[in-house]
Amino acid sequence: MGKTATADMFKALDIPVFDADDTVHNLQAPGGAALPAISTAFPGTVKDQSLNRAMLGTLVFKDKAALKKLEAIMHPLVAKMRQIFIRGAQAEGEALIVLDEPLLFETEQAGGCDHIVVVSAGVDVQKARVMARPNMTEEKFAGIIATQMSDADKRALADTVILTDKGFDAARADVKKLVVALQAQEGS
């Protein structure tokens, strides 16, 4: 959809961004906080404090129960890190922050947000972007789509939709316009 590029546009405007994907990667990195629970739940996937992501992916993308087990490990850890980020931003006096959460609705985190921005692109653009990722397959792509709410449903729940298939300049202008409006709203 262009979510990461759009988050970078907010960062360029000095808006702090919590990146849930980066948080997951850090929690699963060598020595990460999620590794002991993952090792217990999925024996053989962690060796020498390092996660075999390919092995874990093979286990969870074909098995809904296994995916739920992994989510039960990861979602609370991500939520804890999100709260640390929010408290830190509040302590710094930040008026606006962005939560870059690919599963915001699916994990029922939207209720804690004041304004919901959905980043969207046409189906063909979305698929092309995902398929360009390293080690992505049609099967993995289908698995990702199956775990997410439809784009149409997300758009319907959004306060703002940023379309990223119109190019970076258009998306950047939309982000800037939104930030100015939210800052004005915050100041009133």
N, C-alpha and C. Protein backbone atom coordinates (compact mmCIF):
# COMPACT_ATOMS: atom_id res chain seq x y z
N MET A 1 0.80 -1.21 0.00
CA MET A 1 0.00 0.00 0.00
C MET A 1 0.85 1.27 0.00
N GLY A 2 2.10 1.17 0.45
CA GLY A 2 2.93 2.36 0.56
C GLY A 2 2.95 2.91 1.98
N LYS A 3 2.62 2.06 2.92
CA LYS A 3 2.52 2.45 4.33
C LYS A 3 3.85 2.95 4.88
N THR A 4 4.92 2.26 4.59
CA THR A 4 6.23 2.65 5.11
C THR A 4 6.69 3.97 4.51
N ALA A 5 6.52 4.12 3.20
CA ALA A 5 6.90 5.37 2.55
C ALA A 5 6.08 6.53 3.10
N THR A 6 4.80 6.29 3.37
CA THR A 6 3.95 7.34 3.92
C THR A 6 4.36 7.67 5.35
N ALA A 7 4.70 6.67 6.13
CA ALA A 7 5.18 6.91 7.49
C ALA A 7 6.44 7.76 7.45
N ASP A 8 7.30 7.50 6.48
CA ASP A 8 8.52 8.31 6.32
C ASP A 8 8.18 9.77 6.01
N MET A 9 7.08 9.99 5.33
CA MET A 9 6.65 11.36 5.03
C MET A 9 6.25 12.10 6.32
N PHE A 10 5.61 11.39 7.24
CA PHE A 10 5.29 11.99 8.54
C PHE A 10 6.58 12.27 9.31
N LYS A 11 7.51 11.33 9.28
CA LYS A 11 8.79 11.53 9.96
C LYS A 11 9.51 12.76 9.42
N ALA A 12 9.45 12.95 8.11
CA ALA A 12 10.11 14.10 7.48
C ALA A 12 9.52 15.42 7.98
N LEU A 13 8.30 15.36 8.51
CA LEU A 13 7.64 16.54 9.08
C LEU A 13 7.82 16.59 10.60
N ASP A 14 8.78 15.81 11.10
CA ASP A 14 9.11 15.74 12.54
C ASP A 14 7.99 15.20 13.41
N ILE A 15 7.18 14.31 12.84
CA ILE A 15 6.14 13.63 13.61
C ILE A 15 6.71 12.27 14.03
N PRO A 16 6.76 12.00 15.33
CA PRO A 16 7.27 10.69 15.78
C PRO A 16 6.37 9.55 15.28
N VAL A 17 7.00 8.47 14.82
CA VAL A 17 6.27 7.34 14.26
C VAL A 17 6.66 6.07 15.00
N PHE A 18 5.65 5.36 15.51
CA PHE A 18 5.85 4.02 16.06
C PHE A 18 5.62 3.04 14.93
N ASP A 19 6.62 2.23 14.62
CA ASP A 19 6.55 1.28 13.52
C ASP A 19 6.39 -0.12 14.09
N ALA A 20 5.18 -0.65 13.98
CA ALA A 20 4.90 -1.98 14.54
C ALA A 20 5.72 -3.07 13.87
N ASP A 21 5.94 -2.95 12.55
CA ASP A 21 6.74 -3.96 11.85
C ASP A 21 8.18 -3.97 12.37
N ASP A 22 8.78 -2.78 12.52
CA ASP A 22 10.13 -2.71 13.07
C ASP A 22 10.17 -3.26 14.49
N THR A 23 9.13 -2.99 15.24
CA THR A 23 9.06 -3.49 16.62
C THR A 23 9.04 -5.01 16.63
N VAL A 24 8.26 -5.60 15.75
CA VAL A 24 8.22 -7.07 15.65
C VAL A 24 9.60 -7.60 15.30
N HIS A 25 10.26 -6.98 14.34
CA HIS A 25 11.60 -7.42 13.96
C HIS A 25 12.57 -7.31 15.13
N ASN A 26 12.50 -6.24 15.89
CA ASN A 26 13.38 -6.07 17.05
C ASN A 26 13.08 -7.11 18.13
N LEU A 27 11.81 -7.39 18.35
CA LEU A 27 11.44 -8.39 19.35
C LEU A 27 11.88 -9.79 18.95
N GLN A 28 12.01 -10.01 17.63
CA GLN A 28 12.42 -11.32 17.12
C GLN A 28 13.89 -11.36 16.70
N ALA A 29 14.59 -10.26 16.88
CA ALA A 29 16.02 -10.20 16.52
C ALA A 29 16.82 -11.05 17.50
N PRO A 30 18.08 -11.35 17.16
CA PRO A 30 18.91 -12.12 18.10
C PRO A 30 18.87 -11.52 19.51
N GLY A 31 18.50 -12.36 20.47
CA GLY A 31 18.37 -11.93 21.85
C GLY A 31 17.09 -11.18 22.15
N GLY A 32 16.17 -11.09 21.18
CA GLY A 32 14.93 -10.34 21.34
C GLY A 32 14.01 -10.93 22.40
N ALA A 33 13.17 -10.07 22.94
CA ALA A 33 12.28 -10.45 24.04
C ALA A 33 11.27 -11.53 23.67
N ALA A 34 10.95 -11.68 22.40
CA ALA A 34 9.96 -12.67 21.99
C ALA A 34 10.54 -14.07 21.81
N LEU A 35 11.86 -14.18 21.72
CA LEU A 35 12.47 -15.47 21.38
C LEU A 35 12.20 -16.59 22.37
N PRO A 36 12.26 -16.36 23.69
CA PRO A 36 11.99 -17.48 24.59
C PRO A 36 10.59 -18.08 24.39
N ALA A 37 9.57 -17.24 24.26
CA ALA A 37 8.22 -17.75 24.07
C ALA A 37 8.06 -18.41 22.70
N ILE A 38 8.68 -17.85 21.67
CA ILE A 38 8.61 -18.45 20.34
C ILE A 38 9.30 -19.81 20.35
N SER A 39 10.45 -19.89 21.01
CA SER A 39 11.19 -21.15 21.09
C SER A 39 10.36 -22.24 21.78
N THR A 40 9.65 -21.86 22.82
CA THR A 40 8.81 -22.82 23.53
C THR A 40 7.62 -23.24 22.68
N ALA A 41 6.97 -22.28 22.04
CA ALA A 41 5.77 -22.56 21.26
C ALA A 41 6.07 -23.26 19.94
N PHE A 42 7.25 -22.97 19.38
CA PHE A 42 7.61 -23.52 18.07
C PHE A 42 9.03 -24.10 18.15
N PRO A 43 9.16 -25.25 18.78
CA PRO A 43 10.48 -25.85 18.96
C PRO A 43 11.26 -25.96 17.65
N GLY A 44 12.54 -25.63 17.75
CA GLY A 44 13.43 -25.73 16.60
C GLY A 44 13.54 -24.45 15.78
N THR A 45 12.69 -23.47 16.06
CA THR A 45 12.73 -22.23 15.27
C THR A 45 13.75 -21.23 15.81
N VAL A 46 14.19 -21.43 17.05
CA VAL A 46 15.19 -20.53 17.65
C VAL A 46 16.42 -21.36 18.00
N LYS A 47 17.57 -20.91 17.50
CA LYS A 47 18.82 -21.60 17.80
C LYS A 47 19.87 -20.53 18.08
N ASP A 48 20.59 -20.67 19.18
CA ASP A 48 21.62 -19.72 19.56
C ASP A 48 21.09 -18.28 19.59
N GLN A 49 19.91 -18.12 20.18
CA GLN A 49 19.26 -16.80 20.32
C GLN A 49 18.98 -16.13 18.99
N SER A 50 18.77 -16.93 17.95
CA SER A 50 18.46 -16.39 16.62
C SER A 50 17.26 -17.13 16.04
N LEU A 51 16.32 -16.38 15.52
CA LEU A 51 15.09 -16.96 14.97
C LEU A 51 15.28 -17.34 13.51
N ASN A 52 14.86 -18.54 13.18
CA ASN A 52 14.81 -18.97 11.79
C ASN A 52 13.45 -18.54 11.24
N ARG A 53 13.40 -17.34 10.66
CA ARG A 53 12.14 -16.76 10.19
C ARG A 53 11.49 -17.61 9.10
N ALA A 54 12.30 -18.19 8.23
CA ALA A 54 11.74 -19.01 7.15
C ALA A 54 11.02 -20.22 7.74
N MET A 55 11.62 -20.86 8.74
CA MET A 55 11.00 -22.02 9.35
C MET A 55 9.71 -21.61 10.07
N LEU A 56 9.77 -20.52 10.82
CA LEU A 56 8.58 -20.05 11.54
C LEU A 56 7.48 -19.69 10.54
N GLY A 57 7.85 -19.00 9.48
CA GLY A 57 6.87 -18.63 8.45
C GLY A 57 6.19 -19.83 7.84
N THR A 58 6.97 -20.87 7.57
CA THR A 58 6.41 -22.09 7.01
C THR A 58 5.39 -22.71 7.96
N LEU A 59 5.67 -22.63 9.26
CA LEU A 59 4.77 -23.21 10.25
C LEU A 59 3.48 -22.41 10.41
N VAL A 60 3.56 -21.10 10.38
CA VAL A 60 2.38 -20.30 10.74
C VAL A 60 1.52 -19.87 9.56
N PHE A 61 2.09 -19.72 8.37
CA PHE A 61 1.27 -19.22 7.26
C PHE A 61 0.33 -20.27 6.68
N LYS A 62 0.51 -21.51 7.03
CA LYS A 62 -0.38 -22.57 6.53
C LYS A 62 -1.29 -23.12 7.62
N ASP A 63 -1.12 -22.62 8.84
CA ASP A 63 -1.83 -23.19 9.98
C ASP A 63 -2.40 -22.06 10.82
N LYS A 64 -3.72 -21.89 10.76
CA LYS A 64 -4.36 -20.78 11.48
C LYS A 64 -4.15 -20.88 12.99
N ALA A 65 -4.15 -22.08 13.53
CA ALA A 65 -3.95 -22.25 14.97
C ALA A 65 -2.53 -21.83 15.36
N ALA A 66 -1.56 -22.18 14.53
CA ALA A 66 -0.17 -21.79 14.79
C ALA A 66 -0.02 -20.28 14.68
N LEU A 67 -0.67 -19.68 13.70
CA LEU A 67 -0.61 -18.23 13.55
C LEU A 67 -1.21 -17.55 14.78
N LYS A 68 -2.32 -18.06 15.26
CA LYS A 68 -2.95 -17.50 16.48
C LYS A 68 -2.00 -17.62 17.67
N LYS A 69 -1.28 -18.73 17.75
CA LYS A 69 -0.32 -18.93 18.83
C LYS A 69 0.80 -17.89 18.75
N LEU A 70 1.30 -17.64 17.54
CA LEU A 70 2.34 -16.63 17.37
C LEU A 70 1.79 -15.24 17.69
N GLU A 71 0.59 -14.95 17.23
CA GLU A 71 -0.02 -13.65 17.52
C GLU A 71 -0.20 -13.45 19.02
N ALA A 72 -0.54 -14.51 19.74
CA ALA A 72 -0.72 -14.42 21.20
C ALA A 72 0.60 -14.08 21.90
N ILE A 73 1.69 -14.43 21.27
CA ILE A 73 3.01 -14.07 21.80
C ILE A 73 3.36 -12.63 21.41
N MET A 74 3.19 -12.32 20.13
CA MET A 74 3.68 -11.04 19.62
C MET A 74 2.80 -9.84 19.96
N HIS A 75 1.50 -9.97 19.85
CA HIS A 75 0.63 -8.80 20.03
C HIS A 75 0.78 -8.14 21.40
N PRO A 76 0.83 -8.89 22.50
CA PRO A 76 1.03 -8.22 23.78
C PRO A 76 2.39 -7.52 23.90
N LEU A 77 3.41 -8.11 23.31
CA LEU A 77 4.74 -7.48 23.35
C LEU A 77 4.76 -6.20 22.53
N VAL A 78 4.14 -6.22 21.36
CA VAL A 78 4.05 -5.01 20.54
C VAL A 78 3.23 -3.95 21.27
N ALA A 79 2.14 -4.36 21.90
CA ALA A 79 1.30 -3.41 22.66
C ALA A 79 2.09 -2.75 23.78
N LYS A 80 2.92 -3.52 24.45
CA LYS A 80 3.76 -2.96 25.52
C LYS A 80 4.73 -1.93 24.95
N MET A 81 5.37 -2.24 23.83
CA MET A 81 6.31 -1.31 23.21
C MET A 81 5.60 -0.06 22.69
N ARG A 82 4.37 -0.24 22.20
CA ARG A 82 3.57 0.90 21.73
C ARG A 82 3.29 1.84 22.90
N GLN A 83 2.93 1.29 24.04
CA GLN A 83 2.62 2.12 25.21
C GLN A 83 3.87 2.86 25.70
N ILE A 84 5.02 2.21 25.64
CA ILE A 84 6.27 2.87 26.01
C ILE A 84 6.53 4.04 25.06
N PHE A 85 6.31 3.82 23.77
CA PHE A 85 6.48 4.89 22.77
C PHE A 85 5.53 6.05 23.06
N ILE A 86 4.26 5.75 23.29
CA ILE A 86 3.26 6.79 23.54
C ILE A 86 3.61 7.59 24.79
N ARG A 87 3.96 6.89 25.86
CA ARG A 87 4.35 7.60 27.11
C ARG A 87 5.57 8.48 26.89
N GLY A 88 6.54 8.00 26.13
CA GLY A 88 7.72 8.79 25.82
C GLY A 88 7.38 10.03 25.02
N ALA A 89 6.49 9.88 24.03
CA ALA A 89 6.08 11.03 23.21
C ALA A 89 5.31 12.04 24.06
N GLN A 90 4.48 11.55 24.96
CA GLN A 90 3.74 12.46 25.85
C GLN A 90 4.71 13.21 26.76
N ALA A 91 5.69 12.50 27.28
CA ALA A 91 6.68 13.13 28.15
C ALA A 91 7.47 14.20 27.42
N GLU A 92 7.67 14.02 26.11
CA GLU A 92 8.38 14.98 25.29
C GLU A 92 7.48 16.14 24.84
N GLY A 93 6.19 16.04 25.16
CA GLY A 93 5.25 17.09 24.79
C GLY A 93 4.82 17.06 23.34
N GLU A 94 4.93 15.90 22.70
CA GLU A 94 4.52 15.78 21.30
C GLU A 94 3.01 15.92 21.18
N ALA A 95 2.57 16.78 20.28
CA ALA A 95 1.14 16.99 20.05
C ALA A 95 0.56 15.94 19.12
N LEU A 96 1.37 15.47 18.18
CA LEU A 96 0.94 14.45 17.21
C LEU A 96 1.95 13.32 17.17
N ILE A 97 1.45 12.11 17.06
CA ILE A 97 2.29 10.94 16.81
C ILE A 97 1.57 10.07 15.79
N VAL A 98 2.31 9.21 15.13
CA VAL A 98 1.73 8.26 14.18
C VAL A 98 2.03 6.85 14.67
N LEU A 99 1.00 6.02 14.66
CA LEU A 99 1.17 4.60 14.94
C LEU A 99 1.07 3.87 13.61
N ASP A 100 2.19 3.41 13.11
CA ASP A 100 2.26 2.68 11.84
C ASP A 100 1.96 1.23 12.16
N GLU A 101 0.69 0.87 12.05
CA GLU A 101 0.20 -0.45 12.48
C GLU A 101 -0.52 -1.14 11.33
N PRO A 102 0.09 -2.14 10.72
CA PRO A 102 -0.58 -2.81 9.60
C PRO A 102 -1.84 -3.56 10.02
N LEU A 103 -1.94 -3.95 11.26
CA LEU A 103 -3.12 -4.69 11.74
C LEU A 103 -3.89 -3.90 12.80
N LEU A 104 -3.98 -2.60 12.61
CA LEU A 104 -4.63 -1.72 13.60
C LEU A 104 -6.05 -2.18 13.90
N PHE A 105 -6.83 -2.46 12.88
CA PHE A 105 -8.22 -2.87 13.09
C PHE A 105 -8.29 -4.32 13.57
N GLU A 106 -7.47 -5.18 12.97
CA GLU A 106 -7.51 -6.60 13.31
C GLU A 106 -7.12 -6.85 14.76
N THR A 107 -6.22 -6.02 15.31
CA THR A 107 -5.79 -6.19 16.70
C THR A 107 -6.58 -5.29 17.65
N GLU A 108 -7.61 -4.66 17.12
CA GLU A 108 -8.52 -3.83 17.91
C GLU A 108 -7.81 -2.69 18.64
N GLN A 109 -6.84 -2.07 17.96
CA GLN A 109 -6.10 -0.94 18.53
C GLN A 109 -6.67 0.40 18.09
N ALA A 110 -7.58 0.40 17.12
CA ALA A 110 -8.08 1.64 16.56
C ALA A 110 -8.80 2.51 17.59
N GLY A 111 -9.40 1.89 18.58
CA GLY A 111 -10.13 2.64 19.60
C GLY A 111 -9.27 3.61 20.39
N GLY A 112 -7.98 3.37 20.42
CA GLY A 112 -7.07 4.25 21.15
C GLY A 112 -6.52 5.38 20.30
N CYS A 113 -7.00 5.52 19.08
CA CYS A 113 -6.50 6.54 18.15
C CYS A 113 -7.49 7.68 18.03
N ASP A 114 -6.97 8.89 17.93
CA ASP A 114 -7.82 10.07 17.75
C ASP A 114 -8.21 10.29 16.30
N HIS A 115 -7.35 9.88 15.37
CA HIS A 115 -7.59 10.08 13.94
C HIS A 115 -6.96 8.90 13.21
N ILE A 116 -7.73 8.25 12.38
CA ILE A 116 -7.23 7.07 11.69
C ILE A 116 -6.98 7.39 10.22
N VAL A 117 -5.74 7.14 9.81
CA VAL A 117 -5.32 7.33 8.43
C VAL A 117 -5.10 5.95 7.84
N VAL A 118 -5.74 5.70 6.72
CA VAL A 118 -5.51 4.46 5.99
C VAL A 118 -4.75 4.80 4.72
N VAL A 119 -3.67 4.09 4.49
CA VAL A 119 -2.88 4.25 3.28
C VAL A 119 -3.37 3.18 2.32
N SER A 120 -3.68 3.59 1.11
CA SER A 120 -4.30 2.67 0.17
C SER A 120 -3.74 2.86 -1.23
N ALA A 121 -3.83 1.78 -1.99
CA ALA A 121 -3.44 1.79 -3.40
C ALA A 121 -4.30 0.76 -4.12
N GLY A 122 -4.37 0.87 -5.42
CA GLY A 122 -5.13 -0.10 -6.20
C GLY A 122 -4.56 -1.50 -6.01
N VAL A 123 -5.40 -2.49 -6.25
CA VAL A 123 -5.01 -3.89 -6.04
C VAL A 123 -3.77 -4.27 -6.83
N ASP A 124 -3.69 -3.84 -8.08
CA ASP A 124 -2.53 -4.19 -8.91
C ASP A 124 -1.25 -3.57 -8.36
N VAL A 125 -1.33 -2.33 -7.92
CA VAL A 125 -0.16 -1.64 -7.33
C VAL A 125 0.23 -2.32 -6.03
N GLN A 126 -0.76 -2.61 -5.20
CA GLN A 126 -0.50 -3.28 -3.92
C GLN A 126 0.23 -4.60 -4.14
N LYS A 127 -0.29 -5.42 -5.05
CA LYS A 127 0.32 -6.73 -5.28
C LYS A 127 1.74 -6.58 -5.83
N ALA A 128 1.94 -5.66 -6.75
CA ALA A 128 3.27 -5.45 -7.33
C ALA A 128 4.27 -5.06 -6.25
N ARG A 129 3.86 -4.18 -5.33
CA ARG A 129 4.76 -3.75 -4.25
C ARG A 129 5.10 -4.91 -3.32
N VAL A 130 4.11 -5.69 -2.96
CA VAL A 130 4.35 -6.82 -2.05
C VAL A 130 5.21 -7.87 -2.73
N MET A 131 4.92 -8.16 -3.97
CA MET A 131 5.68 -9.21 -4.68
C MET A 131 7.12 -8.80 -4.92
N ALA A 132 7.43 -7.51 -4.85
CA ALA A 132 8.81 -7.05 -5.04
C ALA A 132 9.66 -7.26 -3.78
N ARG A 133 9.03 -7.62 -2.68
CA ARG A 133 9.78 -7.86 -1.45
C ARG A 133 10.62 -9.13 -1.58
N PRO A 134 11.76 -9.16 -0.90
CA PRO A 134 12.59 -10.38 -0.94
C PRO A 134 11.85 -11.60 -0.41
N ASN A 135 12.01 -12.72 -1.05
CA ASN A 135 11.45 -14.01 -0.64
C ASN A 135 9.93 -14.05 -0.64
N MET A 136 9.27 -13.12 -1.32
CA MET A 136 7.81 -13.13 -1.38
C MET A 136 7.36 -14.09 -2.47
N THR A 137 6.30 -14.83 -2.15
CA THR A 137 5.70 -15.76 -3.10
C THR A 137 4.21 -15.46 -3.21
N GLU A 138 3.59 -16.01 -4.23
CA GLU A 138 2.13 -15.86 -4.38
C GLU A 138 1.42 -16.43 -3.16
N GLU A 139 1.92 -17.55 -2.65
CA GLU A 139 1.30 -18.19 -1.49
C GLU A 139 1.41 -17.31 -0.24
N LYS A 140 2.58 -16.72 -0.02
CA LYS A 140 2.75 -15.81 1.12
C LYS A 140 1.85 -14.59 0.97
N PHE A 141 1.79 -14.05 -0.24
CA PHE A 141 0.94 -12.90 -0.50
C PHE A 141 -0.52 -13.23 -0.17
N ALA A 142 -0.99 -14.38 -0.62
CA ALA A 142 -2.37 -14.80 -0.34
C ALA A 142 -2.58 -14.95 1.16
N GLY A 143 -1.58 -15.47 1.87
CA GLY A 143 -1.68 -15.60 3.33
C GLY A 143 -1.78 -14.27 4.02
N ILE A 144 -1.01 -13.29 3.55
CA ILE A 144 -1.06 -11.94 4.13
C ILE A 144 -2.45 -11.34 3.93
N ILE A 145 -2.95 -11.43 2.72
CA ILE A 145 -4.28 -10.87 2.40
C ILE A 145 -5.36 -11.54 3.25
N ALA A 146 -5.23 -12.85 3.45
CA ALA A 146 -6.24 -13.59 4.21
C ALA A 146 -6.31 -13.16 5.67
N THR A 147 -5.20 -12.65 6.22
CA THR A 147 -5.20 -12.27 7.64
C THR A 147 -5.63 -10.82 7.86
N GLN A 148 -5.79 -10.06 6.79
CA GLN A 148 -6.10 -8.65 6.93
C GLN A 148 -7.54 -8.33 6.52
N MET A 149 -8.05 -7.28 7.14
CA MET A 149 -9.35 -6.74 6.75
C MET A 149 -9.23 -6.20 5.33
N SER A 150 -10.31 -6.23 4.60
CA SER A 150 -10.27 -5.75 3.22
C SER A 150 -9.96 -4.25 3.18
N ASP A 151 -9.35 -3.83 2.08
CA ASP A 151 -9.01 -2.43 1.89
C ASP A 151 -10.27 -1.57 1.93
N ALA A 152 -11.34 -2.04 1.32
CA ALA A 152 -12.60 -1.27 1.30
C ALA A 152 -13.12 -1.06 2.72
N ASP A 153 -13.05 -2.10 3.55
CA ASP A 153 -13.52 -1.98 4.93
C ASP A 153 -12.64 -1.02 5.73
N LYS A 154 -11.32 -1.07 5.50
CA LYS A 154 -10.40 -0.16 6.18
C LYS A 154 -10.70 1.28 5.78
N ARG A 155 -10.90 1.49 4.49
CA ARG A 155 -11.20 2.85 4.01
C ARG A 155 -12.47 3.38 4.67
N ALA A 156 -13.46 2.52 4.82
CA ALA A 156 -14.74 2.93 5.41
C ALA A 156 -14.57 3.34 6.88
N LEU A 157 -13.59 2.76 7.56
CA LEU A 157 -13.35 3.07 8.97
C LEU A 157 -12.39 4.24 9.18
N ALA A 158 -11.76 4.70 8.11
CA ALA A 158 -10.74 5.74 8.21
C ALA A 158 -11.35 7.13 8.34
N ASP A 159 -10.61 7.99 9.03
CA ASP A 159 -10.94 9.42 9.04
C ASP A 159 -10.34 10.08 7.80
N THR A 160 -9.19 9.57 7.36
CA THR A 160 -8.49 10.07 6.18
C THR A 160 -7.92 8.89 5.42
N VAL A 161 -8.01 8.96 4.08
CA VAL A 161 -7.38 7.95 3.22
C VAL A 161 -6.31 8.66 2.40
N ILE A 162 -5.09 8.15 2.48
CA ILE A 162 -3.99 8.66 1.66
C ILE A 162 -3.78 7.65 0.52
N LEU A 163 -4.00 8.11 -0.70
CA LEU A 163 -3.81 7.24 -1.87
C LEU A 163 -2.36 7.34 -2.33
N THR A 164 -1.69 6.20 -2.37
CA THR A 164 -0.27 6.20 -2.71
C THR A 164 0.01 5.79 -4.15
N ASP A 165 -1.02 5.46 -4.90
CA ASP A 165 -0.77 5.08 -6.28
C ASP A 165 -0.85 6.28 -7.22
N LYS A 166 -0.98 7.48 -6.65
CA LYS A 166 -0.96 8.71 -7.45
C LYS A 166 0.45 9.30 -7.50
N GLY A 167 1.40 8.65 -6.83
CA GLY A 167 2.79 9.11 -6.82
C GLY A 167 3.18 9.72 -5.48
N PHE A 168 4.49 9.79 -5.25
CA PHE A 168 5.00 10.29 -3.97
C PHE A 168 4.65 11.75 -3.73
N ASP A 169 4.72 12.56 -4.77
CA ASP A 169 4.44 13.99 -4.58
C ASP A 169 3.01 14.22 -4.12
N ALA A 170 2.07 13.50 -4.71
CA ALA A 170 0.66 13.64 -4.32
C ALA A 170 0.45 13.15 -2.89
N ALA A 171 1.04 12.02 -2.56
CA ALA A 171 0.90 11.49 -1.20
C ALA A 171 1.55 12.43 -0.18
N ARG A 172 2.72 12.95 -0.53
CA ARG A 172 3.42 13.88 0.35
C ARG A 172 2.57 15.14 0.60
N ALA A 173 1.93 15.64 -0.44
CA ALA A 173 1.07 16.81 -0.30
C ALA A 173 -0.13 16.50 0.59
N ASP A 174 -0.70 15.30 0.43
CA ASP A 174 -1.83 14.89 1.28
C ASP A 174 -1.41 14.77 2.74
N VAL A 175 -0.23 14.22 2.98
CA VAL A 175 0.27 14.09 4.35
C VAL A 175 0.49 15.47 4.96
N LYS A 176 1.12 16.35 4.23
CA LYS A 176 1.38 17.71 4.72
C LYS A 176 0.07 18.42 5.05
N LYS A 177 -0.89 18.33 4.15
CA LYS A 177 -2.21 18.95 4.37
C LYS A 177 -2.86 18.40 5.64
N LEU A 178 -2.79 17.09 5.83
CA LEU A 178 -3.36 16.46 7.01
C LEU A 178 -2.66 16.94 8.28
N VAL A 179 -1.34 16.96 8.27
CA VAL A 179 -0.59 17.39 9.46
C VAL A 179 -0.94 18.83 9.82
N VAL A 180 -1.00 19.70 8.83
CA VAL A 180 -1.36 21.10 9.09
C VAL A 180 -2.76 21.18 9.71
N ALA A 181 -3.71 20.42 9.17
CA ALA A 181 -5.07 20.43 9.69
C ALA A 181 -5.13 19.88 11.12
N LEU A 182 -4.41 18.80 11.39
CA LEU A 182 -4.42 18.22 12.73
C LEU A 182 -3.73 19.14 13.73
N GLN A 183 -2.64 19.79 13.31
CA GLN A 183 -1.97 20.73 14.20
C GLN A 183 -2.86 21.92 14.51
N ALA A 184 -3.60 22.39 13.52
CA ALA A 184 -4.53 23.50 13.75
C ALA A 184 -5.64 23.07 14.70
N GLN A 185 -6.13 21.86 14.51
CA GLN A 185 -7.17 21.31 15.38
C GLN A 185 -6.65 21.16 16.80
N GLU A 186 -5.42 20.69 16.93
CA GLU A 186 -4.80 20.48 18.23
C GLU A 186 -4.61 21.82 18.95
N GLY A 187 -4.29 22.86 18.19
CA GLY A 187 -4.04 24.18 18.77
C GLY A 187 -5.30 24.93 19.16
N SER A 188 -6.46 24.49 18.64
CA SER A 188 -7.70 25.23 18.93
C SER A 188 -8.36 24.77 20.20
